[in-house]
Amino acid sequence: MRHSDKSLSINIEQGWSTHMPVLLKLAAMTTGPIMEVGSGIYSTPLLHWLCAETKRSLVTYESDKNFIKLAEEYRSENHAVHLIDDYLSIPNTGHYSIILIDHGGHTRGKTAVHLKNSADYIVIHDSNVVRKNMYQIAFPEFKYRKDFDRYIPWTTVLSNTTPLDTLW
């Protein structure tokens, strides 16, 4: 798979990948489907290959017409990719082991609240940037919260079903 679209300008700084240790840990702990809300140069390939070998279901939702091109390169029998206009239109009736929320715009907190009962673990990236991403409305909606703050930006795991004390 090669991404050759010159219109996608990406800053490949380390900060774009600080969610990777959390995703690797949770993927190893779970076996159910994964949802990616907002594709990325690090998360989409990582989640795709973590799911591919075991035919684990992965669905990616993206609203950016440039990032959707990246995500579509990973579309497969077990990896669905959807271009959407509004992240709040994502169905919240299914159940996932992991939902990663790392989409563009500044409404990630609203997305987390919308999907709060749809996963064992909801992973939010850039969680130290609370107000910009509206995370202040999401945090009180979850019973459990664990911040991975070893690297900036932070990644936070939220859950209403599973205590998070032993994650790290």
Foldseek 3Di string as FASTA:
>chain_A
DDDDDPVDDDDPDCLQPPCVVVVVLLLVVDQAAEEEEADDPHPLVVVLVSCVVVLHAYEYEAADPVVLSVNVVSDDPRYHYYHDNDLLPPDQPAAGQEYEQDYDAQASLVSCLSNQPRHQKYKYWLVVVCVSNVVVNRVVVFPEKDWPPPDPPIMMIGGNHDHDVPSD
